[in-house]
C-alpha atoms as a PDB file:
ATOM      1  CA  UNK A   1      14.244  22.683  -1.832  1.00  0.00           C
ATOM      2  CA  UNK A   2      15.838  19.642  -0.209  1.00  0.00           C
ATOM      3  CA  UNK A   3      15.359  16.306  -1.962  1.00  0.00           C
ATOM      4  CA  UNK A   4      16.559  12.729  -1.550  1.00  0.00           C
ATOM      5  CA  UNK A   5      17.291  10.943  -4.823  1.00  0.00           C
ATOM      6  CA  UNK A   6      19.573   8.490  -6.580  1.00  0.00           C
ATOM      7  CA  UNK A   7      21.753   8.504  -9.701  1.00  0.00           C
ATOM      8  CA  UNK A   8      22.789   4.849  -9.935  1.00  0.00           C
ATOM      9  CA  UNK A   9      21.544   1.433  -8.882  1.00  0.00           C
ATOM     10  CA  UNK A  10      23.187   0.493  -5.607  1.00  0.00           C
ATOM     11  CA  UNK A  11      22.220  -1.797  -2.700  1.00  0.00           C
ATOM     12  CA  UNK A  12      20.748  -0.235   0.434  1.00  0.00           C
ATOM     13  CA  UNK A  13      23.966  -1.144   2.256  1.00  0.00           C
ATOM     14  CA  UNK A  14      25.862   1.377   0.099  1.00  0.00           C
ATOM     15  CA  UNK A  15      25.738   4.891   1.645  1.00  0.00           C
ATOM     16  CA  UNK A  16      25.566   6.377  -1.876  1.00  0.00           C
ATOM     17  CA  UNK A  17      22.415   4.463  -2.812  1.00  0.00           C
ATOM     18  CA  UNK A  18      20.411   7.570  -1.832  1.00  0.00           C
ATOM     19  CA  UNK A  19      21.757  11.132  -1.796  1.00  0.00           C
ATOM     20  CA  UNK A  20      20.807  14.375  -0.063  1.00  0.00           C
ATOM     21  CA  UNK A  21      20.494  16.966  -2.843  1.00  0.00           C
ATOM     22  CA  UNK A  22      18.909  20.310  -3.740  1.00  0.00           C
ATOM     23  CA  UNK A  23      16.419  21.026  -6.546  1.00  0.00           C
ATOM     24  CA  UNK A  24      14.384  24.041  -7.761  1.00  0.00           C
ATOM     25  CA  UNK A  25      10.999  24.547  -6.102  1.00  0.00           C
ATOM     26  CA  UNK A  26       8.220  23.144  -8.345  1.00  0.00           C
ATOM     27  CA  UNK A  27       5.203  25.226  -9.425  1.00  0.00           C
ATOM     28  CA  UNK A  28       1.590  24.002  -9.289  1.00  0.00           C
ATOM     29  CA  UNK A  29      -0.454  24.194 -12.522  1.00  0.00           C
ATOM     30  CA  UNK A  30      -3.613  22.504 -13.763  1.00  0.00           C
ATOM     31  CA  UNK A  31      -4.972  19.901 -11.347  1.00  0.00           C
ATOM     32  CA  UNK A  32      -1.727  19.780  -9.350  1.00  0.00           C
ATOM     33  CA  UNK A  33      -1.385  20.853  -5.748  1.00  0.00           C
ATOM     34  CA  UNK A  34       1.980  21.783  -4.227  1.00  0.00           C
ATOM     35  CA  UNK A  35       2.429  20.018  -0.890  1.00  0.00           C
ATOM     36  CA  UNK A  36       4.983  20.839   1.792  1.00  0.00           C
ATOM     37  CA  UNK A  37       5.818  17.295   2.835  1.00  0.00           C
ATOM     38  CA  UNK A  38       5.794  16.643   6.571  1.00  0.00           C
ATOM     39  CA  UNK A  39       6.150  12.853   6.609  1.00  0.00           C
ATOM     40  CA  UNK A  40       6.587   9.903   4.248  1.00  0.00           C
ATOM     41  CA  UNK A  41       6.505   6.134   4.561  1.00  0.00           C
ATOM     42  CA  UNK A  42       8.466   3.500   2.664  1.00  0.00           C
ATOM     43  CA  UNK A  43       6.876   0.647   0.723  1.00  0.00           C
ATOM     44  CA  UNK A  44       8.372  -2.301  -1.183  1.00  0.00           C
ATOM     45  CA  UNK A  45       7.840  -0.346  -4.421  1.00  0.00           C
ATOM     46  CA  UNK A  46      10.360   2.257  -3.205  1.00  0.00           C
ATOM     47  CA  UNK A  47      13.058  -0.359  -2.802  1.00  0.00           C
ATOM     48  CA  UNK A  48      12.249  -2.053  -6.118  1.00  0.00           C
ATOM     49  CA  UNK A  49      12.387   1.190  -8.098  1.00  0.00           C
ATOM     50  CA  UNK A  50      15.664   2.102  -6.380  1.00  0.00           C
ATOM     51  CA  UNK A  51      17.095  -1.243  -7.457  1.00  0.00           C
ATOM     52  CA  UNK A  52      15.748  -1.393 -11.016  1.00  0.00           C
ATOM     53  CA  UNK A  53      14.934   2.015 -12.529  1.00  0.00           C
ATOM     54  CA  UNK A  54      18.273   3.520 -13.505  1.00  0.00           C
ATOM     55  CA  UNK A  55      18.019   7.286 -14.159  1.00  0.00           C
ATOM     56  CA  UNK A  56      19.385   8.638 -17.415  1.00  0.00           C
ATOM     57  CA  UNK A  57      22.991   9.822 -17.288  1.00  0.00           C
ATOM     58  CA  UNK A  58      23.277  13.037 -15.317  1.00  0.00           C
ATOM     59  CA  UNK A  59      19.715  12.824 -13.968  1.00  0.00           C
ATOM     60  CA  UNK A  60      18.397  12.195 -10.480  1.00  0.00           C
ATOM     61  CA  UNK A  61      15.289  10.203  -9.608  1.00  0.00           C
ATOM     62  CA  UNK A  62      13.312  11.135  -6.511  1.00  0.00           C
ATOM     63  CA  UNK A  63      11.589   8.217  -4.802  1.00  0.00           C
ATOM     64  CA  UNK A  64       8.677   8.297  -2.389  1.00  0.00           C
ATOM     65  CA  UNK A  65       4.964   7.645  -2.845  1.00  0.00           C
ATOM     66  CA  UNK A  66       3.209   7.753   0.527  1.00  0.00           C
ATOM     67  CA  UNK A  67       3.177  11.258   1.985  1.00  0.00           C
ATOM     68  CA  UNK A  68       1.318  13.600   4.302  1.00  0.00           C
ATOM     69  CA  UNK A  69       1.703  17.348   4.379  1.00  0.00           C
ATOM     70  CA  UNK A  70       0.212  20.813   4.012  1.00  0.00           C
ATOM     71  CA  UNK A  71      -0.825  22.436   0.732  1.00  0.00           C
ATOM     72  CA  UNK A  72       1.298  25.478  -0.186  1.00  0.00           C
ATOM     73  CA  UNK A  73      -0.280  26.354  -3.543  1.00  0.00           C
ATOM     74  CA  UNK A  74      -2.781  24.999  -6.084  1.00  0.00           C
ATOM     75  CA  UNK A  75      -3.032  24.941  -9.867  1.00  0.00           C
ATOM     76  CA  UNK A  76      -5.669  26.914 -11.747  1.00  0.00           C
ATOM     77  CA  UNK A  77      -7.921  23.854 -12.289  1.00  0.00           C
ATOM     78  CA  UNK A  78      -7.932  22.684  -8.661  1.00  0.00           C
ATOM     79  CA  UNK A  79     -11.381  22.561  -7.029  1.00  0.00           C
ATOM     80  CA  UNK A  80     -11.029  20.022  -4.202  1.00  0.00           C
ATOM     81  CA  UNK A  81      -8.447  21.712  -1.966  1.00  0.00           C
ATOM     82  CA  UNK A  82      -7.067  25.080  -0.859  1.00  0.00           C
ATOM     83  CA  UNK A  83      -3.723  26.276   0.513  1.00  0.00           C
ATOM     84  CA  UNK A  84      -3.381  25.340   4.177  1.00  0.00           C
ATOM     85  CA  UNK A  85      -5.298  22.043   3.863  1.00  0.00           C
ATOM     86  CA  UNK A  86      -3.656  18.995   5.430  1.00  0.00           C
ATOM     87  CA  UNK A  87      -3.611  16.041   3.004  1.00  0.00           C
ATOM     88  CA  UNK A  88      -2.317  12.499   2.527  1.00  0.00           C
ATOM     89  CA  UNK A  89      -1.803  10.499  -0.667  1.00  0.00           C
ATOM     90  CA  UNK A  90       0.226   7.798  -2.439  1.00  0.00           C
ATOM     91  CA  UNK A  91       1.280   9.714  -5.564  1.00  0.00           C
ATOM     92  CA  UNK A  92       2.054   8.418  -9.046  1.00  0.00           C
ATOM     93  CA  UNK A  93       4.909   6.148 -10.038  1.00  0.00           C
ATOM     94  CA  UNK A  94       5.596   8.009 -13.302  1.00  0.00           C
ATOM     95  CA  UNK A  95       6.232  11.362 -11.551  1.00  0.00           C
ATOM     96  CA  UNK A  96       8.865  12.728  -9.183  1.00  0.00           C
ATOM     97  CA  UNK A  97       8.388  11.274  -5.726  1.00  0.00           C
ATOM     98  CA  UNK A  98       7.585  12.637  -2.286  1.00  0.00           C
ATOM     99  CA  UNK A  99      11.079  12.442  -0.768  1.00  0.00           C
ATOM    100  CA  UNK A 100      11.273  16.220  -1.162  1.00  0.00           C
ATOM    101  CA  UNK A 101      10.353  19.287   0.841  1.00  0.00           C
ATOM    102  CA  UNK A 102       7.846  20.321  -1.851  1.00  0.00           C
ATOM    103  CA  UNK A 103       5.917  17.848  -3.992  1.00  0.00           C
ATOM    104  CA  UNK A 104       3.485  18.151  -6.892  1.00  0.00           C
ATOM    105  CA  UNK A 105       0.570  15.726  -6.964  1.00  0.00           C
ATOM    106  CA  UNK A 106      -2.741  15.630  -8.820  1.00  0.00           C
ATOM    107  CA  UNK A 107      -5.637  16.589  -6.535  1.00  0.00           C
ATOM    108  CA  UNK A 108      -7.734  13.688  -7.870  1.00  0.00           C
ATOM    109  CA  UNK A 109      -5.587  11.108  -6.052  1.00  0.00           C
ATOM    110  CA  UNK A 110      -5.317  13.037  -2.765  1.00  0.00           C
ATOM    111  CA  UNK A 111      -7.412  12.808   0.410  1.00  0.00           C
ATOM    112  CA  UNK A 112      -7.836  15.032   3.442  1.00  0.00           C
ATOM    113  CA  UNK A 113      -5.542  13.903   6.264  1.00  0.00           C
ATOM    114  CA  UNK A 114      -7.347  12.314   9.227  1.00  0.00           C
ATOM    115  CA  UNK A 115      -7.606  14.967  11.931  1.00  0.00           C
ATOM    116  CA  UNK A 116      -6.996  12.413  14.672  1.00  0.00           C
ATOM    117  CA  UNK A 117      -3.582  11.364  13.293  1.00  0.00           C
ATOM    118  CA  UNK A 118      -0.229  13.091  13.217  1.00  0.00           C
ATOM    119  CA  UNK A 119       1.620  13.373   9.899  1.00  0.00           C
ATOM    120  CA  UNK A 120       3.711  10.214  10.330  1.00  0.00           C
ATOM    121  CA  UNK A 121       0.667   8.137  11.273  1.00  0.00           C
ATOM    122  CA  UNK A 122      -1.201   9.473   8.250  1.00  0.00           C
ATOM    123  CA  UNK A 123       1.706   8.986   5.825  1.00  0.00           C
ATOM    124  CA  UNK A 124       1.773   5.279   6.691  1.00  0.00           C
ATOM    125  CA  UNK A 125      -1.701   4.695   5.258  1.00  0.00           C
ATOM    126  CA  UNK A 126      -2.441   5.821   1.666  1.00  0.00           C
ATOM    127  CA  UNK A 127      -0.677   3.330  -0.622  1.00  0.00           C
ATOM    128  CA  UNK A 128      -1.623   0.252   1.361  1.00  0.00           C
ATOM    129  CA  UNK A 129      -5.192   1.314   2.066  1.00  0.00           C
ATOM    130  CA  UNK A 130      -5.765   2.283  -1.582  1.00  0.00           C
ATOM    131  CA  UNK A 131      -4.372  -1.091  -2.658  1.00  0.00           C
ATOM    132  CA  UNK A 132      -6.455  -3.015  -0.129  1.00  0.00           C
ATOM    133  CA  UNK A 133      -9.643  -1.032  -0.831  1.00  0.00           C
ATOM    134  CA  UNK A 134      -9.363  -1.391  -4.609  1.00  0.00           C
ATOM    135  CA  UNK A 135      -8.515  -5.086  -4.304  1.00  0.00           C
ATOM    136  CA  UNK A 136     -11.441  -5.859  -1.993  1.00  0.00           C
ATOM    137  CA  UNK A 137     -14.198  -3.723  -3.467  1.00  0.00           C
ATOM    138  CA  UNK A 138     -13.175  -2.908  -7.051  1.00  0.00           C
ATOM    139  CA  UNK A 139     -11.289  -6.035  -8.154  1.00  0.00           C
ATOM    140  CA  UNK A 140     -12.798  -8.868  -6.096  1.00  0.00           C
ATOM    141  CA  UNK A 141     -16.203  -7.173  -6.167  1.00  0.00           C
ATOM    142  CA  UNK A 142     -17.063  -7.640  -2.501  1.00  0.00           C
ATOM    143  CA  UNK A 143     -20.067  -5.507  -1.527  1.00  0.00           C
ATOM    144  CA  UNK A 144     -19.947  -3.221   1.514  1.00  0.00           C
ATOM    145  CA  UNK A 145     -21.646  -4.994   4.430  1.00  0.00           C
ATOM    146  CA  UNK A 146     -21.817  -8.135   2.268  1.00  0.00           C
ATOM    147  CA  UNK A 147     -20.049 -11.499   2.272  1.00  0.00           C
ATOM    148  CA  UNK A 148     -22.090 -13.260   4.940  1.00  0.00           C
ATOM    149  CA  UNK A 149     -21.092 -16.952   5.084  1.00  0.00           C
ATOM    150  CA  UNK A 150     -18.017 -16.458   2.865  1.00  0.00           C
ATOM    151  CA  UNK A 151     -14.331 -16.333   3.740  1.00  0.00           C
ATOM    152  CA  UNK A 152     -11.470 -14.109   2.609  1.00  0.00           C
ATOM    153  CA  UNK A 153      -8.071 -15.763   2.995  1.00  0.00           C
ATOM    154  CA  UNK A 154      -5.182 -13.284   3.136  1.00  0.00           C
ATOM    155  CA  UNK A 155      -1.663 -14.573   2.506  1.00  0.00           C
ATOM    156  CA  UNK A 156       0.720 -12.009   4.000  1.00  0.00           C
ATOM    157  CA  UNK A 157      -1.486 -10.590   6.732  1.00  0.00           C
ATOM    158  CA  UNK A 158       1.101  -8.674   8.764  1.00  0.00           C
ATOM    159  CA  UNK A 159       2.564  -6.574   5.942  1.00  0.00           C
ATOM    160  CA  UNK A 160       1.371  -3.131   4.925  1.00  0.00           C
ATOM    161  CA  UNK A 161      -1.387  -4.174   2.502  1.00  0.00           C
ATOM    162  CA  UNK A 162      -2.429  -7.129   4.648  1.00  0.00           C
ATOM    163  CA  UNK A 163      -2.726  -4.892   7.704  1.00  0.00           C
ATOM    164  CA  UNK A 164      -5.070  -2.609   5.772  1.00  0.00           C
ATOM    165  CA  UNK A 165      -7.038  -5.416   4.119  1.00  0.00           C
ATOM    166  CA  UNK A 166      -7.757  -7.169   7.417  1.00  0.00           C
ATOM    167  CA  UNK A 167      -9.262  -3.979   8.826  1.00  0.00           C
ATOM    168  CA  UNK A 168     -11.354  -3.149   5.763  1.00  0.00           C
ATOM    169  CA  UNK A 169     -12.733  -6.673   5.456  1.00  0.00           C
ATOM    170  CA  UNK A 170     -13.461  -6.988   9.187  1.00  0.00           C
ATOM    171  CA  UNK A 171     -15.014  -3.545   9.643  1.00  0.00           C
ATOM    172  CA  UNK A 172     -16.809  -2.963   6.334  1.00  0.00           C
ATOM    173  CA  UNK A 173     -17.963  -6.466   5.311  1.00  0.00           C
ATOM    174  CA  UNK A 174     -19.401  -9.613   6.896  1.00  0.00           C
ATOM    175  CA  UNK A 175     -16.667 -11.859   5.534  1.00  0.00           C
ATOM    176  CA  UNK A 176     -14.866 -14.351   7.725  1.00  0.00           C
ATOM    177  CA  UNK A 177     -11.365 -12.862   7.671  1.00  0.00           C
ATOM    178  CA  UNK A 178      -8.593 -15.467   7.669  1.00  0.00           C
ATOM    179  CA  UNK A 179      -5.048 -14.061   7.692  1.00  0.00           C
ATOM    180  CA  UNK A 180      -1.622 -15.657   7.590  1.00  0.00           C
ATOM    181  CA  UNK A 181       1.166 -15.045  10.095  1.00  0.00           C
ATOM    182  CA  UNK A 182       4.179 -17.225  10.827  1.00  0.00           C
ATOM    183  CA  UNK A 183       5.702 -15.669  13.974  1.00  0.00           C
ATOM    184  CA  UNK A 184       4.333 -14.917  17.430  1.00  0.00           C
ATOM    185  CA  UNK A 185       4.588 -11.150  16.917  1.00  0.00           C
ATOM    186  CA  UNK A 186       2.865 -11.254  13.530  1.00  0.00           C
ATOM    187  CA  UNK A 187       0.094 -13.488  14.868  1.00  0.00           C
ATOM    188  CA  UNK A 188      -0.534 -11.008  17.674  1.00  0.00           C
ATOM    189  CA  UNK A 189      -0.540  -8.145  15.153  1.00  0.00           C
ATOM    190  CA  UNK A 190      -3.083  -9.634  12.732  1.00  0.00           C
ATOM    191  CA  UNK A 191      -5.303 -10.689  15.628  1.00  0.00           C
ATOM    192  CA  UNK A 192      -5.239  -7.117  16.975  1.00  0.00           C
ATOM    193  CA  UNK A 193      -6.328  -5.847  13.551  1.00  0.00           C
ATOM    194  CA  UNK A 194      -9.418  -8.060  13.578  1.00  0.00           C
ATOM    195  CA  UNK A 195      -8.594 -11.358  11.851  1.00  0.00           C
ATOM    196  CA  UNK A 196     -11.160 -13.986  12.828  1.00  0.00           C
ATOM    197  CA  UNK A 197      -8.758 -16.876  12.161  1.00  0.00           C
ATOM    198  CA  UNK A 198      -5.002 -17.133  11.654  1.00  0.00           C
ATOM    199  CA  UNK A 199      -2.924 -19.675   9.742  1.00  0.00           C
ATOM    200  CA  UNK A 200       0.761 -20.209   8.963  1.00  0.00           C
ATOM    201  CA  UNK A 201       1.660 -19.545   5.326  1.00  0.00           C
ATOM    202  CA  UNK A 202       4.853 -21.572   5.832  1.00  0.00           C
ATOM    203  CA  UNK A 203       2.760 -24.731   6.056  1.00  0.00           C
ATOM    204  CA  UNK A 204       0.667 -26.409   3.316  1.00  0.00           C
ATOM    205  CA  UNK A 205      -2.401 -24.244   2.705  1.00  0.00           C
ATOM    206  CA  UNK A 206      -4.805 -27.200   2.377  1.00  0.00           C
ATOM    207  CA  UNK A 207      -3.703 -28.553   5.751  1.00  0.00           C
ATOM    208  CA  UNK A 208      -4.039 -25.162   7.430  1.00  0.00           C
ATOM    209  CA  UNK A 209      -7.520 -24.530   6.007  1.00  0.00           C
ATOM    210  CA  UNK A 210      -8.609 -28.022   7.084  1.00  0.00           C
ATOM    211  CA  UNK A 211      -7.258 -27.335  10.577  1.00  0.00           C
ATOM    212  CA  UNK A 212      -9.398 -24.192  10.721  1.00  0.00           C
ATOM    213  CA  UNK A 213     -12.465 -26.092   9.555  1.00  0.00           C
ATOM    214  CA  UNK A 214     -12.842 -24.046   6.386  1.00  0.00           C
ATOM    215  CA  UNK A 215     -14.533 -25.094   3.199  1.00  0.00           C
ATOM    216  CA  UNK A 216     -12.991 -23.902  -0.061  1.00  0.00           C
ATOM    217  CA  UNK A 217     -12.767 -20.100   0.354  1.00  0.00           C
ATOM    218  CA  UNK A 218     -14.576 -17.777  -2.032  1.00  0.00           C
ATOM    219  CA  UNK A 219     -11.801 -15.181  -1.971  1.00  0.00           C
ATOM    220  CA  UNK A 220      -8.037 -15.486  -1.600  1.00  0.00           C
ATOM    221  CA  UNK A 221      -5.716 -12.459  -1.605  1.00  0.00           C
ATOM    222  CA  UNK A 222      -2.089 -13.337  -2.341  1.00  0.00           C
ATOM    223  CA  UNK A 223      -0.037 -10.390  -1.100  1.00  0.00           C
ATOM    224  CA  UNK A 224       3.423 -11.955  -1.028  1.00  0.00           C
ATOM    225  CA  UNK A 225       5.416 -14.609  -2.937  1.00  0.00           C
ATOM    226  CA  UNK A 226       2.561 -15.187  -5.347  1.00  0.00           C
ATOM    227  CA  UNK A 227       4.418 -17.646  -7.606  1.00  0.00           C
ATOM    228  CA  UNK A 228       5.326 -19.795  -4.611  1.00  0.00           C
ATOM    229  CA  UNK A 229       1.800 -19.852  -3.210  1.00  0.00           C
ATOM    230  CA  UNK A 230      -0.199 -19.971  -6.441  1.00  0.00           C
ATOM    231  CA  UNK A 231      -0.332 -23.769  -6.982  1.00  0.00           C
ATOM    232  CA  UNK A 232      -1.798 -24.259  -3.489  1.00  0.00           C
ATOM    233  CA  UNK A 233      -4.121 -21.284  -3.919  1.00  0.00           C
ATOM    234  CA  UNK A 234      -5.401 -22.713  -7.219  1.00  0.00           C
ATOM    235  CA  UNK A 235      -6.187 -25.968  -5.466  1.00  0.00           C
ATOM    236  CA  UNK A 236      -7.857 -24.327  -2.480  1.00  0.00           C
ATOM    237  CA  UNK A 237     -10.069 -21.706  -4.160  1.00  0.00           C
ATOM    238  CA  UNK A 238     -13.774 -22.486  -4.420  1.00  0.00           C
ATOM    239  CA  UNK A 239     -15.509 -23.037  -7.768  1.00  0.00           C
ATOM    240  CA  UNK A 240     -16.263 -19.585  -9.192  1.00  0.00           C
ATOM    241  CA  UNK A 241     -13.985 -18.141  -6.531  1.00  0.00           C
ATOM    242  CA  UNK A 242     -11.802 -15.079  -6.986  1.00  0.00           C
ATOM    243  CA  UNK A 243      -8.062 -14.675  -6.442  1.00  0.00           C
ATOM    244  CA  UNK A 244      -6.525 -11.234  -5.915  1.00  0.00           C
ATOM    245  CA  UNK A 245      -2.836 -10.627  -6.616  1.00  0.00           C
ATOM    246  CA  UNK A 246      -0.782  -7.448  -6.219  1.00  0.00           C
ATOM    247  CA  UNK A 247       2.462  -8.661  -7.809  1.00  0.00           C
ATOM    248  CA  UNK A 248       3.729 -11.707  -9.672  1.00  0.00           C
ATOM    249  CA  UNK A 249       7.262 -12.650  -8.653  1.00  0.00           C
ATOM    250  CA  UNK A 250       7.298 -15.487 -11.193  1.00  0.00           C
ATOM    251  CA  UNK A 251       5.190 -17.213 -13.835  1.00  0.00           C
ATOM    252  CA  UNK A 252       1.697 -18.294 -12.805  1.00  0.00           C
ATOM    253  CA  UNK A 253       0.032 -21.391 -14.271  1.00  0.00           C
ATOM    254  CA  UNK A 254      -3.653 -20.484 -14.478  1.00  0.00           C
ATOM    255  CA  UNK A 255      -4.804 -23.665 -16.234  1.00  0.00           C
ATOM    256  CA  UNK A 256      -6.011 -25.373 -12.995  1.00  0.00           C
ATOM    257  CA  UNK A 257      -8.531 -22.544 -12.562  1.00  0.00           C
ATOM    258  CA  UNK A 258     -10.365 -23.447 -15.766  1.00  0.00           C
ATOM    259  CA  UNK A 259     -12.279 -26.392 -14.312  1.00  0.00           C
ATOM    260  CA  UNK A 260     -13.484 -24.199 -11.449  1.00  0.00           C
ATOM    261  CA  UNK A 261     -14.278 -21.124 -13.543  1.00  0.00           C
ATOM    262  CA  UNK A 262     -12.227 -19.312 -10.916  1.00  0.00           C
ATOM    263  CA  UNK A 263     -10.736 -15.931 -11.767  1.00  0.00           C
ATOM    264  CA  UNK A 264      -7.619 -13.846 -11.123  1.00  0.00           C
ATOM    265  CA  UNK A 265      -7.847 -10.131 -10.395  1.00  0.00           C
ATOM    266  CA  UNK A 266      -4.799  -7.870 -10.542  1.00  0.00           C
ATOM    267  CA  UNK A 267      -4.543  -4.861  -8.274  1.00  0.00           C
ATOM    268  CA  UNK A 268      -2.117  -2.034  -9.062  1.00  0.00           C
ATOM    269  CA  UNK A 269      -2.882   1.191  -7.253  1.00  0.00           C
ATOM    270  CA  UNK A 270      -0.765   3.207  -9.681  1.00  0.00           C
ATOM    271  CA  UNK A 271      -3.156   2.386 -12.555  1.00  0.00           C
ATOM    272  CA  UNK A 272      -5.664   5.155 -11.815  1.00  0.00           C
ATOM    273  CA  UNK A 273      -2.991   7.874 -11.326  1.00  0.00           C
ATOM    274  CA  UNK A 274      -1.975   7.282 -14.947  1.00  0.00           C
ATOM    275  CA  UNK A 275      -5.120   9.189 -15.890  1.00  0.00           C
ATOM    276  CA  UNK A 276      -8.007   6.722 -16.072  1.00  0.00           C
ATOM    277  CA  UNK A 277     -11.546   8.168 -16.436  1.00  0.00           C
ATOM    278  CA  UNK A 278     -12.249   7.156 -12.825  1.00  0.00           C
ATOM    279  CA  UNK A 279      -8.997   8.578 -11.444  1.00  0.00           C
ATOM    280  CA  UNK A 280     -10.923  10.611  -8.859  1.00  0.00           C
ATOM    281  CA  UNK A 281     -12.017   7.394  -7.135  1.00  0.00           C
ATOM    282  CA  UNK A 282      -8.724   7.449  -5.239  1.00  0.00           C
ATOM    283  CA  UNK A 283      -9.628  10.875  -3.828  1.00  0.00           C
ATOM    284  CA  UNK A 284     -13.030   9.548  -2.819  1.00  0.00           C
ATOM    285  CA  UNK A 285     -11.764   6.371  -1.171  1.00  0.00           C
ATOM    286  CA  UNK A 286      -9.013   8.229   0.735  1.00  0.00           C
ATOM    287  CA  UNK A 287     -11.661  10.657   1.959  1.00  0.00           C
ATOM    288  CA  UNK A 288     -13.714   7.706   3.216  1.00  0.00           C
ATOM    289  CA  UNK A 289     -10.657   6.144   4.863  1.00  0.00           C
ATOM    290  CA  UNK A 290      -9.907   9.473   6.575  1.00  0.00           C
ATOM    291  CA  UNK A 291     -13.459   9.728   7.903  1.00  0.00           C
ATOM    292  CA  UNK A 292     -13.383   6.110   9.126  1.00  0.00           C
ATOM    293  CA  UNK A 293     -10.130   6.754  10.977  1.00  0.00           C
ATOM    294  CA  UNK A 294     -11.589   9.818  12.689  1.00  0.00           C
ATOM    295  CA  UNK A 295     -14.673   7.780  13.610  1.00  0.00           C
ATOM    296  CA  UNK A 296     -12.469   5.139  15.247  1.00  0.00           C
ATOM    297  CA  UNK A 297     -13.361   2.421  12.726  1.00  0.00           C
ATOM    298  CA  UNK A 298      -9.921   2.140  11.099  1.00  0.00           C
ATOM    299  CA  UNK A 299      -6.476   2.722  12.565  1.00  0.00           C
ATOM    300  CA  UNK A 300      -3.059   3.593  11.234  1.00  0.00           C
ATOM    301  CA  UNK A 301      -0.672   0.707  10.625  1.00  0.00           C
ATOM    302  CA  UNK A 302       2.427   2.704  11.552  1.00  0.00           C
ATOM    303  CA  UNK A 303       4.759   0.680  13.775  1.00  0.00           C
ATOM    304  CA  UNK A 304       8.045   2.593  13.534  1.00  0.00           C
ATOM    305  CA  UNK A 305       9.320   6.123  12.805  1.00  0.00           C
ATOM    306  CA  UNK A 306      12.858   5.587  11.553  1.00  0.00           C
ATOM    307  CA  UNK A 307      14.053   9.193  11.534  1.00  0.00           C
ATOM    308  CA  UNK A 308      13.951  12.266   9.325  1.00  0.00           C
ATOM    309  CA  UNK A 309      13.471  12.510   5.553  1.00  0.00           C
ATOM    310  CA  UNK A 310      17.147  12.342   4.633  1.00  0.00           C
ATOM    311  CA  UNK A 311      19.303   9.840   2.778  1.00  0.00           C
ATOM    312  CA  UNK A 312      20.800   7.981   5.747  1.00  0.00           C
ATOM    313  CA  UNK A 313      17.463   7.470   7.498  1.00  0.00           C
ATOM    314  CA  UNK A 314      15.660   6.561   4.277  1.00  0.00           C
ATOM    315  CA  UNK A 315      18.289   3.913   3.537  1.00  0.00           C
ATOM    316  CA  UNK A 316      17.686   2.449   6.983  1.00  0.00           C
ATOM    317  CA  UNK A 317      13.960   2.318   6.200  1.00  0.00           C
ATOM    318  CA  UNK A 318      14.732   0.657   2.848  1.00  0.00           C
ATOM    319  CA  UNK A 319      16.814  -1.980   4.643  1.00  0.00           C
ATOM    320  CA  UNK A 320      13.982  -2.655   7.073  1.00  0.00           C
ATOM    321  CA  UNK A 321      11.467  -3.081   4.226  1.00  0.00           C
ATOM    322  CA  UNK A 322      13.859  -5.277   2.229  1.00  0.00           C
ATOM    323  CA  UNK A 323      14.187  -7.630   5.198  1.00  0.00           C
ATOM    324  CA  UNK A 324      10.645  -8.846   4.376  1.00  0.00           C
ATOM    325  CA  UNK A 325       9.954  -9.109   8.104  1.00  0.00           C
ATOM    326  CA  UNK A 326       8.244  -5.752   8.486  1.00  0.00           C
ATOM    327  CA  UNK A 327       5.112  -5.569  10.588  1.00  0.00           C
ATOM    328  CA  UNK A 328       2.807  -2.765   9.467  1.00  0.00           C
ATOM    329  CA  UNK A 329       4.573   0.347   8.117  1.00  0.00           C
ATOM    330  CA  UNK A 330       7.689   2.413   8.723  1.00  0.00           C
ATOM    331  CA  UNK A 331       7.688   6.196   8.317  1.00  0.00           C
ATOM    332  CA  UNK A 332      10.001   9.217   8.441  1.00  0.00           C
ATOM    333  CA  UNK A 333       9.059  12.696   9.578  1.00  0.00           C
ATOM    334  CA  UNK A 334      10.552  16.153   8.969  1.00  0.00           C
ATOM    335  CA  UNK A 335      13.693  17.337   7.178  1.00  0.00           C
END
């Protein structure tokens, strides 16, 4: 099968940072399904692993987490899917990735692909919607159709996770959804996704919240530059409020939260794929997301198809993601 992988740590500007290679076809056993990959999307985690996780000498690492495709074969323990089913998923960081013609993934973290979307549109969704769903409902503890009179402030509203979180909070809760955007095009994007109010994360948070007439918010999701924003977030959060973070890019001083009994909640969508007892929750939530898409409640966040699943096009997608100016998601389709 064709794969795209890397052998050494190189910048995305180097044409050898990703390589077009061949590998033996994998075989499905146990709970694994074998997927013929039709489309993938690129997330910041792809670029970070490419830049940090050096393969052992002589080995190749295959990147890729988000994928959509068709099941070719199933392991003997599989009960959720059959060959021929169209699926989408975000994979597991400790296994070979989806930048391959054939990919093994555990059925318990896979969902049925939305029928109303093509493969590229579907591939843009899993990782960010899993992250946003788990952050909102599992980590912050917001109740479906709940949150009346409370606000969720989202720092980084136009990115992949922010684009998913805005939709989930607007469509599935009664929260006042307040999202950040610093450019005209990003403001238009987050407004189109359903944000009730928009602020500029390049300006002091206290001033922006005051401008919007907001009291101290109950929930704040910090989706980008958490170390930079955390002092202002700590000041702004309500007593007994909850802060959600998906990555720390520096040390966080949590002492100011003590007097408010405010709490921090980490979200890492690759935790369940490691084999937690509730691992199957990712299958269930992706199934719900798929149904909500087909019902017209949620929409894909795909904004650009860069090209095919090959080294040159994937490197272009990596460069786009590394620019930190991406709106929504970028995908690649076909080999």
